[in-house]
Amino acid sequence: MRLDKYLKVSRLIKRRTVANEACDAGRVSVNGKTVKASYEVKVGDEIEIGFGDRSVRARILRVQENVRKEEAEDMFEYL
């Protein structure tokens, strides 16, 4: 699954266009490397997203195309 879509489906970022823009601006890294929105994520990857002066780190636990809102939090764990 593409990184921008994963960020939207897992609800780490609300909208896919915002996720895409964050990737293009270089604010998203996977396993310590800045990546583009088209990067294919897999279970075990560690994502870091920069939001202004703070950042969020999470590890991917599941990759699914469609997820209900209640189950979205089970797709990753905060680090």
C-alpha atoms as a PDB file:
ATOM      1  CA  MET A   1       0.000   0.000   0.000  1.00  0.00           C
ATOM      2  CA  ARG A   2       1.234   3.504  -0.783  1.00  0.00           C
ATOM      3  CA  LEU A   3       2.465   5.584   2.130  1.00  0.00           C
ATOM      4  CA  ASP A   4       0.015   8.448   1.571  1.00  0.00           C
ATOM      5  CA  LYS A   5      -2.928   6.045   1.464  1.00  0.00           C
ATOM      6  CA  TYR A   6      -1.744   4.237   4.608  1.00  0.00           C
ATOM      7  CA  LEU A   7      -1.490   7.516   6.512  1.00  0.00           C
ATOM      8  CA  LYS A   8      -5.072   8.323   5.545  1.00  0.00           C
ATOM      9  CA  VAL A   9      -6.545   4.851   6.188  1.00  0.00           C
ATOM     10  CA  SER A  10      -4.806   4.557   9.573  1.00  0.00           C
ATOM     11  CA  ARG A  11      -5.941   8.109  10.398  1.00  0.00           C
ATOM     12  CA  LEU A  12      -2.458   9.309  11.289  1.00  0.00           C
ATOM     13  CA  ILE A  13      -3.268  12.134   8.834  1.00  0.00           C
ATOM     14  CA  LYS A  14      -6.882  13.054   8.072  1.00  0.00           C
ATOM     15  CA  ARG A  15      -6.762  13.553   4.307  1.00  0.00           C
ATOM     16  CA  ARG A  16      -4.769  11.833   1.582  1.00  0.00           C
ATOM     17  CA  THR A  17      -3.930  15.135  -0.126  1.00  0.00           C
ATOM     18  CA  VAL A  18      -2.457  16.437   3.143  1.00  0.00           C
ATOM     19  CA  ALA A  19      -0.476  13.204   3.525  1.00  0.00           C
ATOM     20  CA  ASN A  20       0.762  13.578  -0.054  1.00  0.00           C
ATOM     21  CA  GLU A  21       1.837  17.180   0.563  1.00  0.00           C
ATOM     22  CA  ALA A  22       3.647  16.198   3.790  1.00  0.00           C
ATOM     23  CA  CYS A  23       5.591  13.523   1.887  1.00  0.00           C
ATOM     24  CA  ASP A  24       6.470  15.958  -0.917  1.00  0.00           C
ATOM     25  CA  ALA A  25       7.693  18.507   1.640  1.00  0.00           C
ATOM     26  CA  GLY A  26      10.032  15.904   3.167  1.00  0.00           C
ATOM     27  CA  ARG A  27       8.288  15.808   6.558  1.00  0.00           C
ATOM     28  CA  VAL A  28       7.671  12.028   6.465  1.00  0.00           C
ATOM     29  CA  SER A  29      10.388   9.416   6.884  1.00  0.00           C
ATOM     30  CA  VAL A  30      10.223   5.630   6.993  1.00  0.00           C
ATOM     31  CA  ASN A  31      12.954   3.705   8.814  1.00  0.00           C
ATOM     32  CA  GLY A  32      15.033   6.886   9.043  1.00  0.00           C
ATOM     33  CA  LYS A  33      14.891   7.779   5.329  1.00  0.00           C
ATOM     34  CA  THR A  34      12.815  10.566   3.781  1.00  0.00           C
ATOM     35  CA  VAL A  35      10.476   8.945   1.273  1.00  0.00           C
ATOM     36  CA  LYS A  36       7.934   9.934  -1.357  1.00  0.00           C
ATOM     37  CA  ALA A  37       4.180   9.357  -1.140  1.00  0.00           C
ATOM     38  CA  SER A  38       4.458   6.383  -3.510  1.00  0.00           C
ATOM     39  CA  TYR A  39       6.667   4.381  -1.098  1.00  0.00           C
ATOM     40  CA  GLU A  40       5.202   0.906  -0.464  1.00  0.00           C
ATOM     41  CA  VAL A  41       4.806   0.399   3.287  1.00  0.00           C
ATOM     42  CA  LYS A  42       4.963  -3.003   4.980  1.00  0.00           C
ATOM     43  CA  VAL A  43       4.460  -4.407   8.462  1.00  0.00           C
ATOM     44  CA  GLY A  44       7.296  -3.450  10.793  1.00  0.00           C
ATOM     45  CA  ASP A  45       8.179  -0.144   9.130  1.00  0.00           C
ATOM     46  CA  GLU A  46       8.660   2.826  11.460  1.00  0.00           C
ATOM     47  CA  ILE A  47       7.101   6.092  10.291  1.00  0.00           C
ATOM     48  CA  GLU A  48       8.081   9.530  11.586  1.00  0.00           C
ATOM     49  CA  ILE A  49       5.922  12.543  10.687  1.00  0.00           C
ATOM     50  CA  GLY A  50       6.995  16.108  11.424  1.00  0.00           C
ATOM     51  CA  PHE A  51       4.195  18.437  12.560  1.00  0.00           C
ATOM     52  CA  GLY A  52       5.685  21.895  13.044  1.00  0.00           C
ATOM     53  CA  ASP A  53       7.898  21.758  16.132  1.00  0.00           C
ATOM     54  CA  ARG A  54       6.940  18.222  17.181  1.00  0.00           C
ATOM     55  CA  SER A  55       7.046  14.821  15.528  1.00  0.00           C
ATOM     56  CA  VAL A  56       5.066  11.590  15.755  1.00  0.00           C
ATOM     57  CA  ARG A  57       6.666   8.151  15.506  1.00  0.00           C
ATOM     58  CA  ALA A  58       4.684   4.974  14.874  1.00  0.00           C
ATOM     59  CA  ARG A  59       5.351   1.340  13.917  1.00  0.00           C
ATOM     60  CA  ILE A  60       3.106  -0.349  11.345  1.00  0.00           C
ATOM     61  CA  LEU A  61       1.332  -3.416  12.739  1.00  0.00           C
ATOM     62  CA  ARG A  62      -1.215  -4.076   9.947  1.00  0.00           C
ATOM     63  CA  VAL A  63      -1.792  -3.004   6.366  1.00  0.00           C
ATOM     64  CA  GLN A  64      -5.418  -3.090   5.191  1.00  0.00           C
ATOM     65  CA  GLU A  65      -7.241  -1.315   2.372  1.00  0.00           C
ATOM     66  CA  ASN A  66     -10.507  -0.620   4.234  1.00  0.00           C
ATOM     67  CA  VAL A  67     -10.738  -0.129   7.974  1.00  0.00           C
ATOM     68  CA  ARG A  68     -13.513   1.102  10.238  1.00  0.00           C
ATOM     69  CA  LYS A  69     -12.769   4.099  12.413  1.00  0.00           C
ATOM     70  CA  GLU A  70     -12.726   2.010  15.600  1.00  0.00           C
ATOM     71  CA  GLU A  71     -10.170  -0.431  14.145  1.00  0.00           C
ATOM     72  CA  ALA A  72      -7.811   2.195  12.689  1.00  0.00           C
ATOM     73  CA  GLU A  73      -5.848   2.507  15.939  1.00  0.00           C
ATOM     74  CA  ASP A  74      -4.939  -1.201  15.732  1.00  0.00           C
ATOM     75  CA  MET A  75      -2.998  -0.608  12.500  1.00  0.00           C
ATOM     76  CA  PHE A  76      -0.051   1.054  14.273  1.00  0.00           C
ATOM     77  CA  GLU A  77       1.531   1.680  17.656  1.00  0.00           C
ATOM     78  CA  TYR A  78       3.053   4.936  18.859  1.00  0.00           C
ATOM     79  CA  LEU A  79       6.732   4.872  19.764  1.00  0.00           C
END
